[in-house]
Amino acid sequence: MPYETPQAAAVAWLAYPQLATTLDQPTLDWLFDEGSLTRRLTRLSHDHFSVTPLFEGWQTLRDDECAALDLAPGAQGWVREVYLRGHGQPWVFARSVAGRSVLERGGLDLETLGSRSLGELLFCDQAFIRHPLQVCRYPQGWLPLAAAQPNLWGRRSRFARNGLELLVAEVFLPALWQAAKEETR
């Protein structure tokens, strides 16, 4: 594993109404866009989008992840961490997790994704239901060292299909905000 993902003090995951009056509209549009982030990044990068896997494997899930997936604290799960890149630059750090028990029952083989986007897989399968997005200032200690900065916006949502649940978190890195700003000029 390239870095530690320590437990942090309780993180306040917020819904749209809690942030609607405090954030500018472009930021809200990115954080609460319910469409495929992969597709949006592909458009923004003019098809120069790629996925770089950082870590994939079994790991003890964080307390906030266990709570979101209704798992016992300290449960084991499959963890996939990647950079979503535009023009070769890391634009988003993504961490996807699922409980070991639900994955062992079958239905989704996360181990074979490689450099393919999990988001694209989730959005192509109509059976997945996306639960509401939640947003926070993502703890710096949960980020890879190369991307670790304070006060980065992150979001997460739970995807469910026939008892299988995945939690997908995406942290928006400074290079994405810069590319988005240049696109609107």
N, C-alpha and C. Protein backbone atom coordinates (compact mmCIF):
# COMPACT_ATOMS: atom_id res chain seq x y z
N MET A 1 0.86 -1.18 0.00
CA MET A 1 0.00 0.00 0.00
C MET A 1 0.89 1.23 0.00
N PRO A 2 0.61 2.23 -0.85
CA PRO A 2 1.49 3.37 -1.00
C PRO A 2 1.49 4.31 0.20
N TYR A 3 0.51 4.26 1.07
CA TYR A 3 0.42 5.17 2.21
C TYR A 3 -0.59 4.60 3.19
N GLU A 4 -0.61 5.16 4.36
CA GLU A 4 -1.56 4.71 5.38
C GLU A 4 -2.86 5.49 5.24
N THR A 5 -3.97 4.85 5.55
CA THR A 5 -5.25 5.55 5.59
C THR A 5 -5.75 5.50 7.03
N PRO A 6 -5.21 6.39 7.87
CA PRO A 6 -5.56 6.35 9.28
C PRO A 6 -7.01 6.76 9.52
N GLN A 7 -7.52 6.33 10.65
CA GLN A 7 -8.83 6.83 11.06
C GLN A 7 -8.64 8.31 11.39
N ALA A 8 -9.64 9.10 11.15
CA ALA A 8 -9.56 10.53 11.46
C ALA A 8 -10.72 10.87 12.38
N ALA A 9 -10.65 12.06 12.90
CA ALA A 9 -11.77 12.53 13.69
C ALA A 9 -13.02 12.46 12.81
N ALA A 10 -14.15 12.43 13.43
CA ALA A 10 -15.40 12.32 12.68
C ALA A 10 -15.45 13.35 11.55
N VAL A 11 -15.79 12.88 10.38
CA VAL A 11 -15.91 13.74 9.20
C VAL A 11 -17.38 14.06 9.01
N ALA A 12 -17.66 15.32 8.78
CA ALA A 12 -19.05 15.73 8.54
C ALA A 12 -19.34 15.63 7.05
N TRP A 13 -20.08 14.58 6.67
CA TRP A 13 -20.52 14.42 5.29
C TRP A 13 -21.83 15.18 5.16
N LEU A 14 -21.89 16.13 4.22
CA LEU A 14 -23.02 17.05 4.11
C LEU A 14 -23.80 16.83 2.83
N ALA A 15 -25.10 17.12 2.90
CA ALA A 15 -25.98 17.03 1.74
C ALA A 15 -26.09 18.39 1.07
N TYR A 16 -26.66 18.41 -0.11
CA TYR A 16 -26.79 19.64 -0.90
C TYR A 16 -27.40 20.80 -0.11
N PRO A 17 -28.54 20.61 0.57
CA PRO A 17 -29.14 21.74 1.28
C PRO A 17 -28.22 22.39 2.31
N GLN A 18 -27.29 21.63 2.85
CA GLN A 18 -26.38 22.16 3.87
C GLN A 18 -25.28 23.03 3.26
N LEU A 19 -25.09 22.95 1.96
CA LEU A 19 -24.02 23.71 1.30
C LEU A 19 -24.53 24.67 0.23
N ALA A 20 -25.79 24.58 -0.12
CA ALA A 20 -26.35 25.34 -1.25
C ALA A 20 -26.15 26.85 -1.13
N THR A 21 -26.16 27.37 0.07
CA THR A 21 -26.02 28.82 0.23
C THR A 21 -24.60 29.25 0.55
N THR A 22 -23.68 28.30 0.71
CA THR A 22 -22.32 28.68 1.10
C THR A 22 -21.29 28.49 0.00
N LEU A 23 -21.61 27.73 -1.04
CA LEU A 23 -20.65 27.48 -2.12
C LEU A 23 -21.12 28.13 -3.42
N ASP A 24 -20.16 28.48 -4.27
CA ASP A 24 -20.52 29.05 -5.57
C ASP A 24 -21.11 27.96 -6.47
N GLN A 25 -21.88 28.40 -7.46
CA GLN A 25 -22.60 27.46 -8.32
C GLN A 25 -21.69 26.51 -9.09
N PRO A 26 -20.56 26.97 -9.66
CA PRO A 26 -19.70 26.01 -10.37
C PRO A 26 -19.20 24.89 -9.46
N THR A 27 -18.84 25.20 -8.22
CA THR A 27 -18.38 24.18 -7.29
C THR A 27 -19.51 23.22 -6.96
N LEU A 28 -20.69 23.76 -6.68
CA LEU A 28 -21.86 22.91 -6.40
C LEU A 28 -22.16 22.00 -7.58
N ASP A 29 -22.05 22.54 -8.80
CA ASP A 29 -22.34 21.74 -10.00
C ASP A 29 -21.42 20.54 -10.09
N TRP A 30 -20.15 20.70 -9.78
CA TRP A 30 -19.22 19.57 -9.83
C TRP A 30 -19.48 18.60 -8.68
N LEU A 31 -19.65 19.13 -7.48
CA LEU A 31 -19.79 18.25 -6.31
C LEU A 31 -21.09 17.45 -6.31
N PHE A 32 -22.15 18.03 -6.83
CA PHE A 32 -23.46 17.36 -6.75
C PHE A 32 -24.00 16.91 -8.10
N ASP A 33 -23.15 16.85 -9.12
CA ASP A 33 -23.56 16.33 -10.42
C ASP A 33 -23.81 14.82 -10.28
N GLU A 34 -25.02 14.39 -10.59
CA GLU A 34 -25.38 12.99 -10.42
C GLU A 34 -25.08 12.13 -11.65
N GLY A 35 -24.57 12.75 -12.69
CA GLY A 35 -24.19 11.98 -13.87
C GLY A 35 -22.85 11.29 -13.66
N SER A 36 -22.36 10.67 -14.69
CA SER A 36 -21.09 9.96 -14.64
C SER A 36 -19.93 10.95 -14.62
N LEU A 37 -19.14 10.90 -13.55
CA LEU A 37 -17.96 11.76 -13.47
C LEU A 37 -16.96 11.37 -14.55
N THR A 38 -16.84 10.09 -14.84
CA THR A 38 -15.95 9.64 -15.91
C THR A 38 -16.30 10.32 -17.23
N ARG A 39 -17.57 10.34 -17.56
CA ARG A 39 -18.00 10.97 -18.82
C ARG A 39 -17.73 12.47 -18.81
N ARG A 40 -17.97 13.11 -17.66
CA ARG A 40 -17.74 14.54 -17.58
C ARG A 40 -16.25 14.87 -17.71
N LEU A 41 -15.41 14.07 -17.08
CA LEU A 41 -13.96 14.29 -17.18
C LEU A 41 -13.46 14.01 -18.60
N THR A 42 -14.04 13.01 -19.24
CA THR A 42 -13.67 12.70 -20.63
C THR A 42 -14.00 13.88 -21.54
N ARG A 43 -15.18 14.48 -21.34
CA ARG A 43 -15.55 15.66 -22.13
C ARG A 43 -14.61 16.83 -21.85
N LEU A 44 -14.36 17.09 -20.56
CA LEU A 44 -13.50 18.22 -20.19
C LEU A 44 -12.09 18.05 -20.74
N SER A 45 -11.60 16.83 -20.80
CA SER A 45 -10.24 16.56 -21.28
C SER A 45 -10.19 16.37 -22.80
N HIS A 46 -11.33 16.51 -23.47
CA HIS A 46 -11.39 16.29 -24.92
C HIS A 46 -10.84 14.91 -25.27
N ASP A 47 -11.34 13.90 -24.54
CA ASP A 47 -10.99 12.48 -24.72
C ASP A 47 -9.55 12.14 -24.33
N HIS A 48 -8.92 12.97 -23.54
CA HIS A 48 -7.59 12.66 -23.00
C HIS A 48 -7.74 12.29 -21.53
N PHE A 49 -8.58 11.29 -21.29
CA PHE A 49 -8.90 10.82 -19.94
C PHE A 49 -8.26 9.45 -19.72
N SER A 50 -7.78 9.22 -18.51
CA SER A 50 -7.24 7.90 -18.17
C SER A 50 -7.40 7.63 -16.68
N VAL A 51 -7.26 6.37 -16.32
CA VAL A 51 -7.35 5.93 -14.94
C VAL A 51 -6.03 5.28 -14.56
N THR A 52 -5.45 5.71 -13.45
CA THR A 52 -4.22 5.12 -12.95
C THR A 52 -4.49 4.46 -11.60
N PRO A 53 -4.48 3.13 -11.54
CA PRO A 53 -4.67 2.44 -10.26
C PRO A 53 -3.50 2.73 -9.32
N LEU A 54 -3.83 3.00 -8.05
CA LEU A 54 -2.83 3.22 -7.02
C LEU A 54 -2.76 2.05 -6.05
N PHE A 55 -3.92 1.51 -5.69
CA PHE A 55 -3.98 0.39 -4.75
C PHE A 55 -5.28 -0.36 -5.00
N GLU A 56 -5.20 -1.69 -4.96
CA GLU A 56 -6.38 -2.54 -5.02
C GLU A 56 -6.10 -3.73 -4.12
N GLY A 57 -7.02 -4.00 -3.21
CA GLY A 57 -6.84 -5.16 -2.36
C GLY A 57 -7.74 -5.14 -1.15
N TRP A 58 -7.64 -6.21 -0.36
CA TRP A 58 -8.42 -6.32 0.87
C TRP A 58 -7.77 -5.49 1.95
N GLN A 59 -8.62 -4.82 2.72
CA GLN A 59 -8.13 -3.89 3.73
C GLN A 59 -9.23 -3.70 4.78
N THR A 60 -8.84 -3.33 5.98
CA THR A 60 -9.83 -2.93 6.98
C THR A 60 -10.39 -1.59 6.56
N LEU A 61 -11.71 -1.50 6.49
CA LEU A 61 -12.35 -0.26 6.06
C LEU A 61 -12.36 0.76 7.20
N ARG A 62 -12.38 2.03 6.83
CA ARG A 62 -12.47 3.10 7.82
C ARG A 62 -13.84 3.07 8.49
N ASP A 63 -13.93 3.65 9.66
CA ASP A 63 -15.18 3.67 10.41
C ASP A 63 -16.31 4.34 9.63
N ASP A 64 -16.00 5.46 8.95
CA ASP A 64 -17.04 6.16 8.20
C ASP A 64 -17.54 5.32 7.04
N GLU A 65 -16.67 4.52 6.45
CA GLU A 65 -17.07 3.64 5.35
C GLU A 65 -17.94 2.51 5.87
N CYS A 66 -17.54 1.93 7.00
CA CYS A 66 -18.35 0.86 7.59
C CYS A 66 -19.74 1.37 7.92
N ALA A 67 -19.82 2.56 8.51
CA ALA A 67 -21.13 3.13 8.86
C ALA A 67 -21.97 3.37 7.61
N ALA A 68 -21.37 3.90 6.54
CA ALA A 68 -22.12 4.18 5.31
C ALA A 68 -22.63 2.91 4.65
N LEU A 69 -21.88 1.81 4.81
CA LEU A 69 -22.27 0.55 4.18
C LEU A 69 -23.00 -0.38 5.15
N ASP A 70 -23.28 0.11 6.34
CA ASP A 70 -23.97 -0.66 7.38
C ASP A 70 -23.20 -1.95 7.72
N LEU A 71 -21.88 -1.80 7.88
CA LEU A 71 -21.00 -2.91 8.25
C LEU A 71 -20.51 -2.68 9.67
N ALA A 72 -20.12 -3.75 10.32
CA ALA A 72 -19.56 -3.64 11.66
C ALA A 72 -18.24 -2.86 11.60
N PRO A 73 -17.96 -2.04 12.61
CA PRO A 73 -16.68 -1.33 12.63
C PRO A 73 -15.52 -2.31 12.50
N GLY A 74 -14.52 -1.93 11.71
CA GLY A 74 -13.35 -2.78 11.51
C GLY A 74 -13.55 -3.88 10.49
N ALA A 75 -14.66 -3.83 9.75
CA ALA A 75 -14.93 -4.86 8.73
C ALA A 75 -13.89 -4.80 7.62
N GLN A 76 -13.64 -5.96 7.02
CA GLN A 76 -12.75 -6.06 5.87
C GLN A 76 -13.53 -5.74 4.60
N GLY A 77 -12.84 -5.15 3.65
CA GLY A 77 -13.48 -4.87 2.37
C GLY A 77 -12.46 -4.75 1.26
N TRP A 78 -12.98 -4.72 0.04
CA TRP A 78 -12.15 -4.50 -1.13
C TRP A 78 -12.02 -3.00 -1.29
N VAL A 79 -10.79 -2.54 -1.45
CA VAL A 79 -10.50 -1.12 -1.62
C VAL A 79 -9.81 -0.93 -2.96
N ARG A 80 -10.28 0.03 -3.71
CA ARG A 80 -9.67 0.39 -4.99
C ARG A 80 -9.44 1.90 -4.96
N GLU A 81 -8.20 2.30 -5.11
CA GLU A 81 -7.85 3.71 -5.14
C GLU A 81 -7.18 4.01 -6.47
N VAL A 82 -7.63 5.08 -7.10
CA VAL A 82 -7.12 5.45 -8.42
C VAL A 82 -7.03 6.96 -8.55
N TYR A 83 -6.26 7.38 -9.52
CA TYR A 83 -6.32 8.76 -10.01
C TYR A 83 -7.13 8.73 -11.30
N LEU A 84 -8.04 9.67 -11.42
CA LEU A 84 -8.71 9.94 -12.68
C LEU A 84 -7.96 11.13 -13.28
N ARG A 85 -7.41 10.93 -14.47
CA ARG A 85 -6.52 11.92 -15.06
C ARG A 85 -7.10 12.56 -16.31
N GLY A 86 -6.78 13.81 -16.48
CA GLY A 86 -7.05 14.54 -17.71
C GLY A 86 -5.74 15.04 -18.25
N HIS A 87 -5.44 14.75 -19.49
CA HIS A 87 -4.17 15.16 -20.11
C HIS A 87 -2.98 14.71 -19.26
N GLY A 88 -3.10 13.55 -18.63
CA GLY A 88 -2.01 13.00 -17.84
C GLY A 88 -1.90 13.53 -16.42
N GLN A 89 -2.64 14.59 -16.11
CA GLN A 89 -2.60 15.17 -14.76
C GLN A 89 -3.65 14.54 -13.86
N PRO A 90 -3.30 14.26 -12.60
CA PRO A 90 -4.32 13.78 -11.68
C PRO A 90 -5.35 14.88 -11.41
N TRP A 91 -6.59 14.62 -11.77
CA TRP A 91 -7.67 15.56 -11.55
C TRP A 91 -8.52 15.16 -10.35
N VAL A 92 -8.67 13.85 -10.15
CA VAL A 92 -9.52 13.34 -9.07
C VAL A 92 -8.83 12.13 -8.46
N PHE A 93 -8.86 12.07 -7.13
CA PHE A 93 -8.47 10.85 -6.42
C PHE A 93 -9.77 10.14 -6.06
N ALA A 94 -9.89 8.88 -6.42
CA ALA A 94 -11.12 8.13 -6.13
C ALA A 94 -10.79 6.91 -5.27
N ARG A 95 -11.66 6.65 -4.30
CA ARG A 95 -11.54 5.48 -3.42
C ARG A 95 -12.89 4.81 -3.40
N SER A 96 -12.91 3.57 -3.85
CA SER A 96 -14.13 2.78 -3.88
C SER A 96 -13.96 1.59 -2.95
N VAL A 97 -15.00 1.31 -2.17
CA VAL A 97 -14.92 0.20 -1.20
C VAL A 97 -16.21 -0.60 -1.23
N ALA A 98 -16.08 -1.88 -0.91
CA ALA A 98 -17.23 -2.78 -0.76
C ALA A 98 -16.87 -3.80 0.31
N GLY A 99 -17.85 -4.20 1.09
CA GLY A 99 -17.61 -5.18 2.13
C GLY A 99 -17.24 -6.54 1.58
N ARG A 100 -16.36 -7.23 2.29
CA ARG A 100 -15.89 -8.55 1.86
C ARG A 100 -17.06 -9.52 1.72
N SER A 101 -17.95 -9.52 2.69
CA SER A 101 -19.03 -10.52 2.69
C SER A 101 -19.93 -10.38 1.46
N VAL A 102 -20.25 -9.15 1.06
CA VAL A 102 -21.12 -8.99 -0.12
C VAL A 102 -20.40 -9.32 -1.41
N LEU A 103 -19.11 -9.01 -1.49
CA LEU A 103 -18.37 -9.33 -2.70
C LEU A 103 -18.15 -10.83 -2.85
N GLU A 104 -17.97 -11.53 -1.73
CA GLU A 104 -17.76 -12.97 -1.80
C GLU A 104 -19.02 -13.71 -2.25
N ARG A 105 -20.17 -13.07 -2.10
CA ARG A 105 -21.42 -13.67 -2.59
C ARG A 105 -21.52 -13.56 -4.10
N GLY A 106 -20.66 -12.74 -4.69
CA GLY A 106 -20.61 -12.63 -6.15
C GLY A 106 -21.36 -11.44 -6.69
N GLY A 107 -21.31 -11.30 -8.00
CA GLY A 107 -22.05 -10.26 -8.66
C GLY A 107 -21.21 -9.15 -9.26
N LEU A 108 -19.96 -8.99 -8.78
CA LEU A 108 -19.11 -7.95 -9.35
C LEU A 108 -17.66 -8.30 -9.06
N ASP A 109 -16.84 -8.34 -10.10
CA ASP A 109 -15.44 -8.69 -9.96
C ASP A 109 -14.60 -7.43 -10.05
N LEU A 110 -14.34 -6.81 -8.92
CA LEU A 110 -13.58 -5.56 -8.90
C LEU A 110 -12.09 -5.77 -9.17
N GLU A 111 -11.62 -6.99 -8.98
CA GLU A 111 -10.20 -7.27 -9.13
C GLU A 111 -9.72 -7.18 -10.58
N THR A 112 -10.62 -7.23 -11.53
CA THR A 112 -10.21 -7.26 -12.94
C THR A 112 -10.38 -5.92 -13.65
N LEU A 113 -10.69 -4.85 -12.93
CA LEU A 113 -10.92 -3.56 -13.58
C LEU A 113 -9.65 -2.96 -14.18
N GLY A 114 -8.53 -3.11 -13.50
CA GLY A 114 -7.29 -2.54 -14.01
C GLY A 114 -7.42 -1.04 -14.21
N SER A 115 -7.11 -0.56 -15.40
CA SER A 115 -7.17 0.88 -15.67
C SER A 115 -8.51 1.31 -16.26
N ARG A 116 -9.51 0.45 -16.14
CA ARG A 116 -10.86 0.84 -16.57
C ARG A 116 -11.56 1.57 -15.43
N SER A 117 -12.51 2.41 -15.76
CA SER A 117 -13.23 3.21 -14.78
C SER A 117 -14.35 2.41 -14.13
N LEU A 118 -14.36 2.36 -12.82
CA LEU A 118 -15.45 1.73 -12.09
C LEU A 118 -16.74 2.51 -12.31
N GLY A 119 -16.63 3.83 -12.34
CA GLY A 119 -17.80 4.67 -12.56
C GLY A 119 -18.53 4.34 -13.85
N GLU A 120 -17.77 4.10 -14.89
CA GLU A 120 -18.40 3.77 -16.17
C GLU A 120 -19.15 2.45 -16.07
N LEU A 121 -18.57 1.50 -15.36
CA LEU A 121 -19.23 0.21 -15.15
C LEU A 121 -20.54 0.41 -14.38
N LEU A 122 -20.51 1.23 -13.34
CA LEU A 122 -21.70 1.46 -12.52
C LEU A 122 -22.80 2.16 -13.31
N PHE A 123 -22.42 3.11 -14.16
CA PHE A 123 -23.42 3.85 -14.91
C PHE A 123 -23.95 3.09 -16.12
N CYS A 124 -23.22 2.08 -16.58
CA CYS A 124 -23.70 1.26 -17.70
C CYS A 124 -24.65 0.17 -17.23
N ASP A 125 -24.62 -0.17 -15.96
CA ASP A 125 -25.48 -1.22 -15.41
C ASP A 125 -26.71 -0.56 -14.79
N GLN A 126 -27.82 -0.62 -15.50
CA GLN A 126 -29.06 0.04 -15.08
C GLN A 126 -29.59 -0.46 -13.74
N ALA A 127 -29.13 -1.63 -13.29
CA ALA A 127 -29.62 -2.20 -12.04
C ALA A 127 -29.07 -1.46 -10.81
N PHE A 128 -27.94 -0.75 -10.97
CA PHE A 128 -27.38 -0.01 -9.83
C PHE A 128 -28.22 1.21 -9.52
N ILE A 129 -28.51 1.39 -8.26
CA ILE A 129 -29.21 2.57 -7.77
C ILE A 129 -28.21 3.43 -7.04
N ARG A 130 -28.16 4.71 -7.40
CA ARG A 130 -27.24 5.63 -6.74
C ARG A 130 -27.99 6.35 -5.64
N HIS A 131 -27.43 6.29 -4.45
CA HIS A 131 -28.00 7.00 -3.30
C HIS A 131 -27.47 8.43 -3.30
N PRO A 132 -28.07 9.33 -2.52
CA PRO A 132 -27.69 10.75 -2.56
C PRO A 132 -26.21 11.00 -2.30
N LEU A 133 -25.70 12.00 -2.99
CA LEU A 133 -24.33 12.43 -2.81
C LEU A 133 -24.16 13.14 -1.47
N GLN A 134 -22.99 12.94 -0.88
CA GLN A 134 -22.60 13.64 0.34
C GLN A 134 -21.24 14.26 0.07
N VAL A 135 -20.98 15.40 0.69
CA VAL A 135 -19.76 16.16 0.43
C VAL A 135 -19.08 16.52 1.74
N CYS A 136 -17.75 16.60 1.70
CA CYS A 136 -16.98 17.05 2.87
C CYS A 136 -15.67 17.66 2.42
N ARG A 137 -15.00 18.29 3.37
CA ARG A 137 -13.59 18.64 3.20
C ARG A 137 -12.84 17.37 3.56
N TYR A 138 -12.26 16.73 2.57
CA TYR A 138 -11.67 15.40 2.72
C TYR A 138 -10.41 15.48 3.57
N PRO A 139 -10.29 14.63 4.59
CA PRO A 139 -9.11 14.68 5.44
C PRO A 139 -7.81 14.44 4.67
N GLN A 140 -6.86 15.31 4.89
CA GLN A 140 -5.57 15.25 4.20
C GLN A 140 -4.89 13.90 4.42
N GLY A 141 -5.04 13.33 5.60
CA GLY A 141 -4.40 12.06 5.91
C GLY A 141 -4.97 10.87 5.17
N TRP A 142 -6.10 11.04 4.52
CA TRP A 142 -6.72 9.97 3.74
C TRP A 142 -6.29 10.00 2.28
N LEU A 143 -5.49 10.97 1.91
CA LEU A 143 -5.06 11.13 0.52
C LEU A 143 -3.66 10.54 0.31
N PRO A 144 -3.35 10.14 -0.92
CA PRO A 144 -1.97 9.73 -1.22
C PRO A 144 -1.04 10.92 -0.95
N LEU A 145 0.18 10.65 -0.54
CA LEU A 145 1.11 11.73 -0.21
C LEU A 145 1.26 12.74 -1.35
N ALA A 146 1.30 12.26 -2.57
CA ALA A 146 1.48 13.16 -3.72
C ALA A 146 0.32 14.13 -3.90
N ALA A 147 -0.85 13.80 -3.37
CA ALA A 147 -2.03 14.65 -3.52
C ALA A 147 -2.47 15.29 -2.20
N ALA A 148 -1.77 14.98 -1.13
CA ALA A 148 -2.21 15.41 0.20
C ALA A 148 -2.14 16.92 0.36
N GLN A 149 -3.30 17.49 0.54
CA GLN A 149 -3.46 18.92 0.79
C GLN A 149 -4.66 19.09 1.70
N PRO A 150 -4.66 20.13 2.51
CA PRO A 150 -5.84 20.36 3.34
C PRO A 150 -6.97 20.98 2.52
N ASN A 151 -8.18 20.79 3.00
CA ASN A 151 -9.37 21.49 2.50
C ASN A 151 -9.78 21.16 1.07
N LEU A 152 -9.43 19.98 0.57
CA LEU A 152 -9.92 19.59 -0.75
C LEU A 152 -11.34 19.07 -0.61
N TRP A 153 -12.17 19.43 -1.57
CA TRP A 153 -13.55 18.94 -1.56
C TRP A 153 -13.59 17.49 -2.04
N GLY A 154 -14.33 16.70 -1.32
CA GLY A 154 -14.57 15.32 -1.71
C GLY A 154 -16.06 15.04 -1.64
N ARG A 155 -16.47 14.04 -2.38
CA ARG A 155 -17.87 13.63 -2.34
C ARG A 155 -17.91 12.11 -2.33
N ARG A 156 -19.03 11.57 -1.91
CA ARG A 156 -19.20 10.13 -1.94
C ARG A 156 -20.67 9.82 -2.17
N SER A 157 -20.89 8.63 -2.72
CA SER A 157 -22.24 8.12 -2.83
C SER A 157 -22.18 6.59 -2.81
N ARG A 158 -23.28 6.03 -2.40
CA ARG A 158 -23.41 4.59 -2.29
C ARG A 158 -24.19 4.10 -3.50
N PHE A 159 -23.70 3.03 -4.11
CA PHE A 159 -24.37 2.39 -5.24
C PHE A 159 -24.83 1.01 -4.77
N ALA A 160 -26.06 0.66 -5.08
CA ALA A 160 -26.61 -0.62 -4.61
C ALA A 160 -27.26 -1.37 -5.76
N ARG A 161 -27.10 -2.72 -5.72
CA ARG A 161 -27.74 -3.60 -6.69
C ARG A 161 -27.88 -4.98 -6.07
N ASN A 162 -29.11 -5.41 -5.87
CA ASN A 162 -29.39 -6.77 -5.38
C ASN A 162 -28.53 -7.17 -4.18
N GLY A 163 -28.46 -6.32 -3.17
CA GLY A 163 -27.71 -6.64 -1.96
C GLY A 163 -26.23 -6.28 -2.02
N LEU A 164 -25.72 -5.95 -3.20
CA LEU A 164 -24.33 -5.52 -3.34
C LEU A 164 -24.29 -4.01 -3.17
N GLU A 165 -23.43 -3.55 -2.28
CA GLU A 165 -23.29 -2.11 -2.07
C GLU A 165 -21.83 -1.70 -2.18
N LEU A 166 -21.62 -0.61 -2.90
CA LEU A 166 -20.29 -0.03 -3.06
C LEU A 166 -20.37 1.43 -2.63
N LEU A 167 -19.31 1.89 -2.00
CA LEU A 167 -19.20 3.29 -1.62
C LEU A 167 -18.09 3.89 -2.47
N VAL A 168 -18.41 4.93 -3.22
CA VAL A 168 -17.45 5.56 -4.11
C VAL A 168 -17.22 6.98 -3.65
N ALA A 169 -15.96 7.29 -3.30
CA ALA A 169 -15.58 8.64 -2.89
C ALA A 169 -14.65 9.22 -3.96
N GLU A 170 -14.85 10.51 -4.25
CA GLU A 170 -14.05 11.19 -5.27
C GLU A 170 -13.60 12.53 -4.69
N VAL A 171 -12.31 12.78 -4.76
CA VAL A 171 -11.75 14.02 -4.22
C VAL A 171 -11.23 14.85 -5.39
N PHE A 172 -11.71 16.08 -5.45
CA PHE A 172 -11.40 16.96 -6.56
C PHE A 172 -10.09 17.69 -6.29
N LEU A 173 -9.09 17.44 -7.12
CA LEU A 173 -7.75 17.99 -6.94
C LEU A 173 -7.62 19.35 -7.63
N PRO A 174 -6.67 20.18 -7.22
CA PRO A 174 -6.54 21.53 -7.79
C PRO A 174 -6.45 21.57 -9.31
N ALA A 175 -5.80 20.60 -9.94
CA ALA A 175 -5.67 20.62 -11.40
C ALA A 175 -7.04 20.51 -12.09
N LEU A 176 -8.00 19.82 -11.46
CA LEU A 176 -9.34 19.75 -12.04
C LEU A 176 -10.00 21.12 -12.01
N TRP A 177 -9.95 21.78 -10.86
CA TRP A 177 -10.59 23.10 -10.75
C TRP A 177 -9.99 24.06 -11.77
N GLN A 178 -8.68 23.98 -11.98
CA GLN A 178 -8.02 24.85 -12.96
C GLN A 178 -8.52 24.54 -14.37
N ALA A 179 -8.60 23.26 -14.73
CA ALA A 179 -9.09 22.87 -16.06
C ALA A 179 -10.55 23.30 -16.25
N ALA A 180 -11.35 23.14 -15.22
CA ALA A 180 -12.77 23.54 -15.32
C ALA A 180 -12.90 25.05 -15.50
N LYS A 181 -12.05 25.79 -14.80
CA LYS A 181 -12.09 27.26 -14.92
C LYS A 181 -11.67 27.70 -16.32
N GLU A 182 -10.64 27.04 -16.87
CA GLU A 182 -10.19 27.38 -18.22
C GLU A 182 -11.23 27.03 -19.26
N GLU A 183 -11.99 25.96 -19.03
CA GLU A 183 -13.03 25.53 -19.97
C GLU A 183 -14.17 26.55 -20.05
N THR A 184 -14.46 27.24 -18.95
CA THR A 184 -15.57 28.19 -18.93
C THR A 184 -15.18 29.56 -19.47
N ARG A 185 -13.90 29.77 -19.75
CA ARG A 185 -13.47 31.06 -20.28
C ARG A 185 -13.83 31.21 -21.73
